Amino acid sequence: MVAVVVHLHVKPESLDQFVAETKENARNSRKEPGVVRFDVIQQIDDASRFVFFELYRDEQAIEAHRGTSHYAKWRDAVPAFLVTERTRQIYRAIEPD
């Protein structure tokens, strides 16, 4: 399995729009056969900071996700809501196997 961790810093005035777009993308992403988890979390002491934890069965599932219409819609909408560009790290799952 492959984990993707994404960090986002959202403009305070764009929080509602960002959350709405992100919820739609996350809900649809969870329906993809290669997606094991797609969690969106918000920092408690700074509501403008978010982390996505995405767990995929393999690299092909990541590519399939990037080819979906819901991801494209989210990808195109979200940059206007961000303070800085999102960052992303990719990890391999160690446990569970």
PDB file of N, CA and C in Angstrom:
ATOM      1  N   MET A   1       0.839  -1.190   0.000  1.00  0.00           N
ATOM      2  CA  MET A   1       0.000   0.000   0.000  1.00  0.00           C
ATOM      3  C   MET A   1       0.876   1.242   0.000  1.00  0.00           C
ATOM      4  N   VAL A   2       0.302   2.321  -0.496  1.00  0.00           N
ATOM      5  CA  VAL A   2       1.006   3.588  -0.600  1.00  0.00           C
ATOM      6  C   VAL A   2       0.177   4.662   0.090  1.00  0.00           C
ATOM      7  N   ALA A   3       0.827   5.429   0.968  1.00  0.00           N
ATOM      8  CA  ALA A   3       0.148   6.515   1.674  1.00  0.00           C
ATOM      9  C   ALA A   3       0.603   7.846   1.104  1.00  0.00           C
ATOM     10  N   VAL A   4      -0.340   8.749   0.966  1.00  0.00           N
ATOM     11  CA  VAL A   4      -0.050  10.120   0.534  1.00  0.00           C
ATOM     12  C   VAL A   4      -0.536  11.040   1.641  1.00  0.00           C
ATOM     13  N   VAL A   5       0.354  11.942   2.080  1.00  0.00           N
ATOM     14  CA  VAL A   5       0.015  12.918   3.112  1.00  0.00           C
ATOM     15  C   VAL A   5       0.146  14.302   2.483  1.00  0.00           C
ATOM     16  N   VAL A   6      -0.956  15.045   2.502  1.00  0.00           N
ATOM     17  CA  VAL A   6      -1.010  16.360   1.872  1.00  0.00           C
ATOM     18  C   VAL A   6      -1.272  17.404   2.954  1.00  0.00           C
ATOM     19  N   HIS A   7      -0.494  18.488   2.942  1.00  0.00           N
ATOM     20  CA  HIS A   7      -0.678  19.604   3.873  1.00  0.00           C
ATOM     21  C   HIS A   7      -1.176  20.806   3.082  1.00  0.00           C
ATOM     22  N   LEU A   8      -2.214  21.470   3.633  1.00  0.00           N
ATOM     23  CA  LEU A   8      -2.795  22.627   2.964  1.00  0.00           C
ATOM     24  C   LEU A   8      -3.032  23.747   3.969  1.00  0.00           C
ATOM     25  N   HIS A   9      -2.756  24.967   3.553  1.00  0.00           N
ATOM     26  CA  HIS A   9      -3.014  26.162   4.356  1.00  0.00           C
ATOM     27  C   HIS A   9      -4.016  27.012   3.570  1.00  0.00           C
ATOM     28  N   VAL A  10      -5.203  27.152   4.119  1.00  0.00           N
ATOM     29  CA  VAL A  10      -6.329  27.766   3.414  1.00  0.00           C
ATOM     30  C   VAL A  10      -6.545  29.200   3.898  1.00  0.00           C
ATOM     31  N   LYS A  11      -6.891  30.087   2.974  1.00  0.00           N
ATOM     32  CA  LYS A  11      -7.239  31.463   3.338  1.00  0.00           C
ATOM     33  C   LYS A  11      -8.479  31.436   4.234  1.00  0.00           C
ATOM     34  N   PRO A  12      -8.474  32.176   5.330  1.00  0.00           N
ATOM     35  CA  PRO A  12      -9.626  32.159   6.249  1.00  0.00           C
ATOM     36  C   PRO A  12     -10.950  32.469   5.555  1.00  0.00           C
ATOM     37  N   GLU A  13     -10.938  33.364   4.609  1.00  0.00           N
ATOM     38  CA  GLU A  13     -12.181  33.731   3.924  1.00  0.00           C
ATOM     39  C   GLU A  13     -12.646  32.657   2.934  1.00  0.00           C
ATOM     40  N   SER A  14     -11.821  31.656   2.690  1.00  0.00           N
ATOM     41  CA  SER A  14     -12.158  30.590   1.741  1.00  0.00           C
ATOM     42  C   SER A  14     -12.466  29.254   2.410  1.00  0.00           C
ATOM     43  N   LEU A  15     -12.502  29.239   3.733  1.00  0.00           N
ATOM     44  CA  LEU A  15     -12.676  27.969   4.455  1.00  0.00           C
ATOM     45  C   LEU A  15     -13.935  27.217   4.041  1.00  0.00           C
ATOM     46  N   ASP A  16     -15.062  27.889   3.985  1.00  0.00           N
ATOM     47  CA  ASP A  16     -16.318  27.205   3.651  1.00  0.00           C
ATOM     48  C   ASP A  16     -16.280  26.600   2.254  1.00  0.00           C
ATOM     49  N   GLN A  17     -15.762  27.355   1.292  1.00  0.00           N
ATOM     50  CA  GLN A  17     -15.675  26.856  -0.081  1.00  0.00           C
ATOM     51  C   GLN A  17     -14.706  25.675  -0.166  1.00  0.00           C
ATOM     52  N   PHE A  18     -13.565  25.817   0.500  1.00  0.00           N
ATOM     53  CA  PHE A  18     -12.569  24.752   0.498  1.00  0.00           C
ATOM     54  C   PHE A  18     -13.151  23.469   1.092  1.00  0.00           C
ATOM     55  N   VAL A  19     -13.788  23.584   2.240  1.00  0.00           N
ATOM     56  CA  VAL A  19     -14.361  22.409   2.900  1.00  0.00           C
ATOM     57  C   VAL A  19     -15.416  21.759   2.016  1.00  0.00           C
ATOM     58  N   ALA A  20     -16.268  22.538   1.388  1.00  0.00           N
ATOM     59  CA  ALA A  20     -17.304  21.973   0.523  1.00  0.00           C
ATOM     60  C   ALA A  20     -16.688  21.211  -0.652  1.00  0.00           C
ATOM     61  N   GLU A  21     -15.720  21.813  -1.326  1.00  0.00           N
ATOM     62  CA  GLU A  21     -15.059  21.146  -2.462  1.00  0.00           C
ATOM     63  C   GLU A  21     -14.323  19.893  -1.997  1.00  0.00           C
ATOM     64  N   THR A  22     -13.681  19.993  -0.848  1.00  0.00           N
ATOM     65  CA  THR A  22     -12.876  18.888  -0.337  1.00  0.00           C
ATOM     66  C   THR A  22     -13.744  17.716   0.104  1.00  0.00           C
ATOM     67  N   LYS A  23     -14.859  18.007   0.760  1.00  0.00           N
ATOM     68  CA  LYS A  23     -15.773  16.924   1.165  1.00  0.00           C
ATOM     69  C   LYS A  23     -16.294  16.168  -0.058  1.00  0.00           C
ATOM     70  N   GLU A  24     -16.663  16.889  -1.090  1.00  0.00           N
ATOM     71  CA  GLU A  24     -17.159  16.246  -2.304  1.00  0.00           C
ATOM     72  C   GLU A  24     -16.088  15.343  -2.911  1.00  0.00           C
ATOM     73  N   ASN A  25     -14.862  15.841  -2.989  1.00  0.00           N
ATOM     74  CA  ASN A  25     -13.771  15.045  -3.544  1.00  0.00           C
ATOM     75  C   ASN A  25     -13.494  13.819  -2.673  1.00  0.00           C
ATOM     76  N   ALA A  26     -13.451  14.000  -1.365  1.00  0.00           N
ATOM     77  CA  ALA A  26     -13.157  12.885  -0.460  1.00  0.00           C
ATOM     78  C   ALA A  26     -14.229  11.804  -0.536  1.00  0.00           C
ATOM     79  N   ARG A  27     -15.483  12.205  -0.533  1.00  0.00           N
ATOM     80  CA  ARG A  27     -16.578  11.225  -0.602  1.00  0.00           C
ATOM     81  C   ARG A  27     -16.510  10.398  -1.878  1.00  0.00           C
ATOM     82  N   ASN A  28     -16.235  11.071  -2.985  1.00  0.00           N
ATOM     83  CA  ASN A  28     -16.123  10.355  -4.256  1.00  0.00           C
ATOM     84  C   ASN A  28     -14.855   9.506  -4.314  1.00  0.00           C
ATOM     85  N   SER A  29     -13.792   9.991  -3.729  1.00  0.00           N
ATOM     86  CA  SER A  29     -12.536   9.236  -3.722  1.00  0.00           C
ATOM     87  C   SER A  29     -12.689   7.925  -2.971  1.00  0.00           C
ATOM     88  N   ARG A  30     -13.426   7.941  -1.870  1.00  0.00           N
ATOM     89  CA  ARG A  30     -13.629   6.721  -1.082  1.00  0.00           C
ATOM     90  C   ARG A  30     -14.371   5.638  -1.858  1.00  0.00           C
ATOM     91  N   LYS A  31     -15.044   6.012  -2.926  1.00  0.00           N
ATOM     92  CA  LYS A  31     -15.763   5.048  -3.757  1.00  0.00           C
ATOM     93  C   LYS A  31     -14.857   4.355  -4.776  1.00  0.00           C
ATOM     94  N   GLU A  32     -13.650   4.861  -4.960  1.00  0.00           N
ATOM     95  CA  GLU A  32     -12.731   4.284  -5.931  1.00  0.00           C
ATOM     96  C   GLU A  32     -12.219   2.933  -5.416  1.00  0.00           C
ATOM     97  N   PRO A  33     -12.133   1.941  -6.288  1.00  0.00           N
ATOM     98  CA  PRO A  33     -11.720   0.609  -5.838  1.00  0.00           C
ATOM     99  C   PRO A  33     -10.310   0.554  -5.262  1.00  0.00           C
ATOM    100  N   GLY A  34      -9.420   1.434  -5.694  1.00  0.00           N
ATOM    101  CA  GLY A  34      -8.037   1.398  -5.210  1.00  0.00           C
ATOM    102  C   GLY A  34      -7.778   2.243  -3.979  1.00  0.00           C
ATOM    103  N   VAL A  35      -8.802   2.928  -3.492  1.00  0.00           N
ATOM    104  CA  VAL A  35      -8.642   3.793  -2.319  1.00  0.00           C
ATOM    105  C   VAL A  35      -9.040   3.008  -1.070  1.00  0.00           C
ATOM    106  N   VAL A  36      -8.105   2.908  -0.128  1.00  0.00           N
ATOM    107  CA  VAL A  36      -8.354   2.223   1.137  1.00  0.00           C
ATOM    108  C   VAL A  36      -8.871   3.212   2.172  1.00  0.00           C
ATOM    109  N   ARG A  37      -8.279   4.397   2.230  1.00  0.00           N
ATOM    110  CA  ARG A  37      -8.700   5.473   3.141  1.00  0.00           C
ATOM    111  C   ARG A  37      -8.520   6.804   2.435  1.00  0.00           C
ATOM    112  N   PHE A  38      -9.356   7.749   2.811  1.00  0.00           N
ATOM    113  CA  PHE A  38      -9.202   9.121   2.332  1.00  0.00           C
ATOM    114  C   PHE A  38      -9.732  10.018   3.444  1.00  0.00           C
ATOM    115  N   ASP A  39      -8.839  10.397   4.352  1.00  0.00           N
ATOM    116  CA  ASP A  39      -9.213  11.182   5.531  1.00  0.00           C
ATOM    117  C   ASP A  39      -8.810  12.636   5.350  1.00  0.00           C
ATOM    118  N   VAL A  40      -9.694  13.529   5.779  1.00  0.00           N
ATOM    119  CA  VAL A  40      -9.426  14.965   5.766  1.00  0.00           C
ATOM    120  C   VAL A  40      -9.515  15.425   7.213  1.00  0.00           C
ATOM    121  N   ILE A  41      -8.428  16.014   7.725  1.00  0.00           N
ATOM    122  CA  ILE A  41      -8.426  16.490   9.105  1.00  0.00           C
ATOM    123  C   ILE A  41      -8.056  17.965   9.152  1.00  0.00           C
ATOM    124  N   GLN A  42      -8.611  18.646  10.140  1.00  0.00           N
ATOM    125  CA  GLN A  42      -8.416  20.090  10.301  1.00  0.00           C
ATOM    126  C   GLN A  42      -7.707  20.328  11.624  1.00  0.00           C
ATOM    127  N   GLN A  43      -6.717  21.193  11.610  1.00  0.00           N
ATOM    128  CA  GLN A  43      -5.956  21.500  12.817  1.00  0.00           C
ATOM    129  C   GLN A  43      -6.847  22.225  13.826  1.00  0.00           C
ATOM    130  N   ILE A  44      -6.805  21.811  15.065  1.00  0.00           N
ATOM    131  CA  ILE A  44      -7.682  22.372  16.095  1.00  0.00           C
ATOM    132  C   ILE A  44      -7.325  23.814  16.431  1.00  0.00           C
ATOM    133  N   ASP A  45      -6.038  24.108  16.596  1.00  0.00           N
ATOM    134  CA  ASP A  45      -5.650  25.452  17.026  1.00  0.00           C
ATOM    135  C   ASP A  45      -5.411  26.426  15.875  1.00  0.00           C
ATOM    136  N   ASP A  46      -5.579  25.965  14.643  1.00  0.00           N
ATOM    137  CA  ASP A  46      -5.493  26.832  13.464  1.00  0.00           C
ATOM    138  C   ASP A  46      -6.393  26.222  12.395  1.00  0.00           C
ATOM    139  N   ALA A  47      -7.639  26.662  12.363  1.00  0.00           N
ATOM    140  CA  ALA A  47      -8.656  26.076  11.488  1.00  0.00           C
ATOM    141  C   ALA A  47      -8.359  26.252  10.000  1.00  0.00           C
ATOM    142  N   SER A  48      -7.334  27.008   9.662  1.00  0.00           N
ATOM    143  CA  SER A  48      -6.993  27.207   8.254  1.00  0.00           C
ATOM    144  C   SER A  48      -5.999  26.163   7.743  1.00  0.00           C
ATOM    145  N   ARG A  49      -5.602  25.228   8.602  1.00  0.00           N
ATOM    146  CA  ARG A  49      -4.627  24.206   8.210  1.00  0.00           C
ATOM    147  C   ARG A  49      -5.282  22.820   8.205  1.00  0.00           C
ATOM    148  N   PHE A  50      -5.019  22.104   7.108  1.00  0.00           N
ATOM    149  CA  PHE A  50      -5.617  20.794   6.886  1.00  0.00           C
ATOM    150  C   PHE A  50      -4.543  19.789   6.484  1.00  0.00           C
ATOM    151  N   VAL A  51      -4.845  18.526   6.766  1.00  0.00           N
ATOM    152  CA  VAL A  51      -4.018  17.415   6.315  1.00  0.00           C
ATOM    153  C   VAL A  51      -4.938  16.371   5.708  1.00  0.00           C
ATOM    154  N   PHE A  52      -4.514  15.837   4.576  1.00  0.00           N
ATOM    155  CA  PHE A  52      -5.199  14.700   3.980  1.00  0.00           C
ATOM    156  C   PHE A  52      -4.320  13.483   4.208  1.00  0.00           C
ATOM    157  N   PHE A  53      -4.935  12.385   4.626  1.00  0.00           N
ATOM    158  CA  PHE A  53      -4.241  11.104   4.690  1.00  0.00           C
ATOM    159  C   PHE A  53      -4.954  10.189   3.715  1.00  0.00           C
ATOM    160  N   GLU A  54      -4.254   9.834   2.647  1.00  0.00           N
ATOM    161  CA  GLU A  54      -4.822   9.018   1.581  1.00  0.00           C
ATOM    162  C   GLU A  54      -4.044   7.709   1.526  1.00  0.00           C
ATOM    163  N   LEU A  55      -4.750   6.602   1.571  1.00  0.00           N
ATOM    164  CA  LEU A  55      -4.099   5.301   1.506  1.00  0.00           C
ATOM    165  C   LEU A  55      -4.629   4.552   0.283  1.00  0.00           C
ATOM    166  N   TYR A  56      -3.698   4.176  -0.587  1.00  0.00           N
ATOM    167  CA  TYR A  56      -4.034   3.521  -1.852  1.00  0.00           C
ATOM    168  C   TYR A  56      -3.477   2.097  -1.872  1.00  0.00           C
ATOM    169  N   ARG A  57      -4.127   1.235  -2.626  1.00  0.00           N
ATOM    170  CA  ARG A  57      -3.669  -0.153  -2.735  1.00  0.00           C
ATOM    171  C   ARG A  57      -2.294  -0.234  -3.399  1.00  0.00           C
ATOM    172  N   ASP A  58      -2.041   0.659  -4.384  1.00  0.00           N
ATOM    173  CA  ASP A  58      -0.767   0.647  -5.107  1.00  0.00           C
ATOM    174  C   ASP A  58      -0.626   1.946  -5.893  1.00  0.00           C
ATOM    175  N   GLU A  59       0.498   2.081  -6.584  1.00  0.00           N
ATOM    176  CA  GLU A  59       0.765   3.290  -7.381  1.00  0.00           C
ATOM    177  C   GLU A  59      -0.277   3.481  -8.493  1.00  0.00           C
ATOM    178  N   GLN A  60      -0.753   2.388  -9.061  1.00  0.00           N
ATOM    179  CA  GLN A  60      -1.754   2.480 -10.125  1.00  0.00           C
ATOM    180  C   GLN A  60      -3.052   3.099  -9.608  1.00  0.00           C
ATOM    181  N   ALA A  61      -3.375   2.838  -8.354  1.00  0.00           N
ATOM    182  CA  ALA A  61      -4.581   3.429  -7.759  1.00  0.00           C
ATOM    183  C   ALA A  61      -4.426   4.935  -7.604  1.00  0.00           C
ATOM    184  N   ILE A  62      -3.208   5.388  -7.318  1.00  0.00           N
ATOM    185  CA  ILE A  62      -2.961   6.837  -7.241  1.00  0.00           C
ATOM    186  C   ILE A  62      -3.180   7.457  -8.610  1.00  0.00           C
ATOM    187  N   GLU A  63      -2.624   6.844  -9.630  1.00  0.00           N
ATOM    188  CA  GLU A  63      -2.794   7.357 -10.990  1.00  0.00           C
ATOM    189  C   GLU A  63      -4.257   7.338 -11.408  1.00  0.00           C
ATOM    190  N   ALA A  64      -4.975   6.287 -11.046  1.00  0.00           N
ATOM    191  CA  ALA A  64      -6.405   6.218 -11.373  1.00  0.00           C
ATOM    192  C   ALA A  64      -7.158   7.348 -10.676  1.00  0.00           C
ATOM    193  N   HIS A  65      -6.805   7.618  -9.425  1.00  0.00           N
ATOM    194  CA  HIS A  65      -7.442   8.715  -8.687  1.00  0.00           C
ATOM    195  C   HIS A  65      -7.206  10.040  -9.388  1.00  0.00           C
ATOM    196  N   ARG A  66      -5.981  10.274  -9.800  1.00  0.00           N
ATOM    197  CA  ARG A  66      -5.644  11.544 -10.473  1.00  0.00           C
ATOM    198  C   ARG A  66      -6.351  11.708 -11.812  1.00  0.00           C
ATOM    199  N   GLY A  67      -6.860  10.609 -12.356  1.00  0.00           N
ATOM    200  CA  GLY A  67      -7.585  10.673 -13.623  1.00  0.00           C
ATOM    201  C   GLY A  67      -9.089  10.836 -13.490  1.00  0.00           C
ATOM    202  N   THR A  68      -9.592  10.942 -12.258  1.00  0.00           N
ATOM    203  CA  THR A  68     -11.040  11.050 -12.066  1.00  0.00           C
ATOM    204  C   THR A  68     -11.526  12.486 -12.250  1.00  0.00           C
ATOM    205  N   SER A  69     -12.789  12.606 -12.599  1.00  0.00           N
ATOM    206  CA  SER A  69     -13.365  13.945 -12.784  1.00  0.00           C
ATOM    207  C   SER A  69     -13.510  14.675 -11.451  1.00  0.00           C
ATOM    208  N   HIS A  70     -13.804  13.958 -10.360  1.00  0.00           N
ATOM    209  CA  HIS A  70     -13.950  14.649  -9.077  1.00  0.00           C
ATOM    210  C   HIS A  70     -12.615  15.205  -8.599  1.00  0.00           C
ATOM    211  N   TYR A  71     -11.514  14.474  -8.829  1.00  0.00           N
ATOM    212  CA  TYR A  71     -10.200  15.018  -8.458  1.00  0.00           C
ATOM    213  C   TYR A  71      -9.867  16.233  -9.327  1.00  0.00           C
ATOM    214  N   ALA A  72     -10.126  16.153 -10.627  1.00  0.00           N
ATOM    215  CA  ALA A  72      -9.840  17.275 -11.527  1.00  0.00           C
ATOM    216  C   ALA A  72     -10.613  18.520 -11.108  1.00  0.00           C
ATOM    217  N   LYS A  73     -11.859  18.344 -10.732  1.00  0.00           N
ATOM    218  CA  LYS A  73     -12.673  19.479 -10.282  1.00  0.00           C
ATOM    219  C   LYS A  73     -12.064  20.098  -9.027  1.00  0.00           C
ATOM    220  N   TRP A  74     -11.691  19.246  -8.067  1.00  0.00           N
ATOM    221  CA  TRP A  74     -11.079  19.733  -6.828  1.00  0.00           C
ATOM    222  C   TRP A  74      -9.741  20.412  -7.122  1.00  0.00           C
ATOM    223  N   ARG A  75      -8.892  19.765  -7.903  1.00  0.00           N
ATOM    224  CA  ARG A  75      -7.557  20.288  -8.240  1.00  0.00           C
ATOM    225  C   ARG A  75      -7.639  21.668  -8.890  1.00  0.00           C
ATOM    226  N   ASP A  76      -8.631  21.870  -9.742  1.00  0.00           N
ATOM    227  CA  ASP A  76      -8.754  23.143 -10.445  1.00  0.00           C
ATOM    228  C   ASP A  76      -9.365  24.241  -9.567  1.00  0.00           C
ATOM    229  N   ALA A  77     -10.215  23.863  -8.622  1.00  0.00           N
ATOM    230  CA  ALA A  77     -10.892  24.851  -7.776  1.00  0.00           C
ATOM    231  C   ALA A  77     -10.033  25.326  -6.606  1.00  0.00           C
ATOM    232  N   VAL A  78      -9.285  24.433  -6.022  1.00  0.00           N
ATOM    233  CA  VAL A  78      -8.653  24.692  -4.726  1.00  0.00           C
ATOM    234  C   VAL A  78      -7.497  25.699  -4.724  1.00  0.00           C
ATOM    235  N   PRO A  79      -6.670  25.812  -5.737  1.00  0.00           N
ATOM    236  CA  PRO A  79      -5.561  26.764  -5.643  1.00  0.00           C
ATOM    237  C   PRO A  79      -5.975  28.191  -5.261  1.00  0.00           C
ATOM    238  N   ALA A  80      -7.142  28.626  -5.682  1.00  0.00           N
ATOM    239  CA  ALA A  80      -7.608  29.973  -5.345  1.00  0.00           C
ATOM    240  C   ALA A  80      -7.892  30.128  -3.848  1.00  0.00           C
ATOM    241  N   PHE A  81      -8.077  29.013  -3.139  1.00  0.00           N
ATOM    242  CA  PHE A  81      -8.405  29.049  -1.713  1.00  0.00           C
ATOM    243  C   PHE A  81      -7.172  28.982  -0.814  1.00  0.00           C
ATOM    244  N   LEU A  82      -6.010  28.723  -1.379  1.00  0.00           N
ATOM    245  CA  LEU A  82      -4.824  28.439  -0.575  1.00  0.00           C
ATOM    246  C   LEU A  82      -3.934  29.651  -0.338  1.00  0.00           C
ATOM    247  N   VAL A  83      -3.328  29.684   0.834  1.00  0.00           N
ATOM    248  CA  VAL A  83      -2.338  30.703   1.167  1.00  0.00           C
ATOM    249  C   VAL A  83      -1.039  30.400   0.426  1.00  0.00           C
ATOM    250  N   THR A  84      -0.626  29.151   0.461  1.00  0.00           N
ATOM    251  CA  THR A  84       0.574  28.678  -0.232  1.00  0.00           C
ATOM    252  C   THR A  84       0.217  27.397  -0.981  1.00  0.00           C
ATOM    253  N   GLU A  85       1.093  26.965  -1.866  1.00  0.00           N
ATOM    254  CA  GLU A  85       0.842  25.718  -2.575  1.00  0.00           C
ATOM    255  C   GLU A  85       0.791  24.558  -1.594  1.00  0.00           C
ATOM    256  N   ARG A  86      -0.022  23.578  -1.909  1.00  0.00           N
ATOM    257  CA  ARG A  86      -0.087  22.397  -1.054  1.00  0.00           C
ATOM    258  C   ARG A  86       1.218  21.613  -1.167  1.00  0.00           C
ATOM    259  N   THR A  87       1.556  20.899  -0.117  1.00  0.00           N
ATOM    260  CA  THR A  87       2.721  20.024  -0.143  1.00  0.00           C
ATOM    261  C   THR A  87       2.248  18.595   0.022  1.00  0.00           C
ATOM    262  N   ARG A  88       3.052  17.676  -0.459  1.00  0.00           N
ATOM    263  CA  ARG A  88       2.646  16.275  -0.431  1.00  0.00           C
ATOM    264  C   ARG A  88       3.876  15.395  -0.264  1.00  0.00           C
ATOM    265  N   GLN A  89       3.714  14.376   0.550  1.00  0.00           N
ATOM    266  CA  GLN A  89       4.741  13.364   0.724  1.00  0.00           C
ATOM    267  C   GLN A  89       4.097  12.007   0.466  1.00  0.00           C
ATOM    268  N   ILE A  90       4.898  11.092  -0.077  1.00  0.00           N
ATOM    269  CA  ILE A  90       4.406   9.744  -0.363  1.00  0.00           C
ATOM    270  C   ILE A  90       5.203   8.763   0.489  1.00  0.00           C
ATOM    271  N   TYR A  91       4.473   7.841   1.125  1.00  0.00           N
ATOM    272  CA  TYR A  91       5.061   6.855   2.025  1.00  0.00           C
ATOM    273  C   TYR A  91       4.644   5.463   1.592  1.00  0.00           C
ATOM    274  N   ARG A  92       5.429   4.480   1.958  1.00  0.00           N
ATOM    275  CA  ARG A  92       4.995   3.094   1.768  1.00  0.00           C
ATOM    276  C   ARG A  92       4.539   2.558   3.093  1.00  0.00           C
ATOM    277  N   ALA A  93       3.519   1.750   3.070  1.00  0.00           N
ATOM    278  CA  ALA A  93       2.966   1.185   4.291  1.00  0.00           C
ATOM    279  C   ALA A  93       3.877   0.046   4.781  1.00  0.00           C
ATOM    280  N   ILE A  94       4.171   0.055   6.067  1.00  0.00           N
ATOM    281  CA  ILE A  94       4.995  -0.971   6.682  1.00  0.00           C
ATOM    282  C   ILE A  94       4.124  -1.950   7.470  1.00  0.00           C
ATOM    283  N   GLU A  95       3.196  -1.411   8.256  1.00  0.00           N
ATOM    284  CA  GLU A  95       2.311  -2.240   9.080  1.00  0.00           C
ATOM    285  C   GLU A  95       0.953  -1.578   9.138  1.00  0.00           C
ATOM    286  N   PRO A  96      -0.131  -2.195   8.823  1.00  0.00           N
ATOM    287  CA  PRO A  96      -0.211  -3.607   8.447  1.00  0.00           C
ATOM    288  C   PRO A  96       0.326  -3.834   7.043  1.00  0.00           C
ATOM    289  N   ASP A  97       0.690  -5.074   6.765  1.00  0.00           N
ATOM    290  CA  ASP A  97       1.231  -5.436   5.447  1.00  0.00           C
ATOM    291  C   ASP A  97       0.191  -5.237   4.374  1.00  0.00           C
TER     292      ASP A  97
END
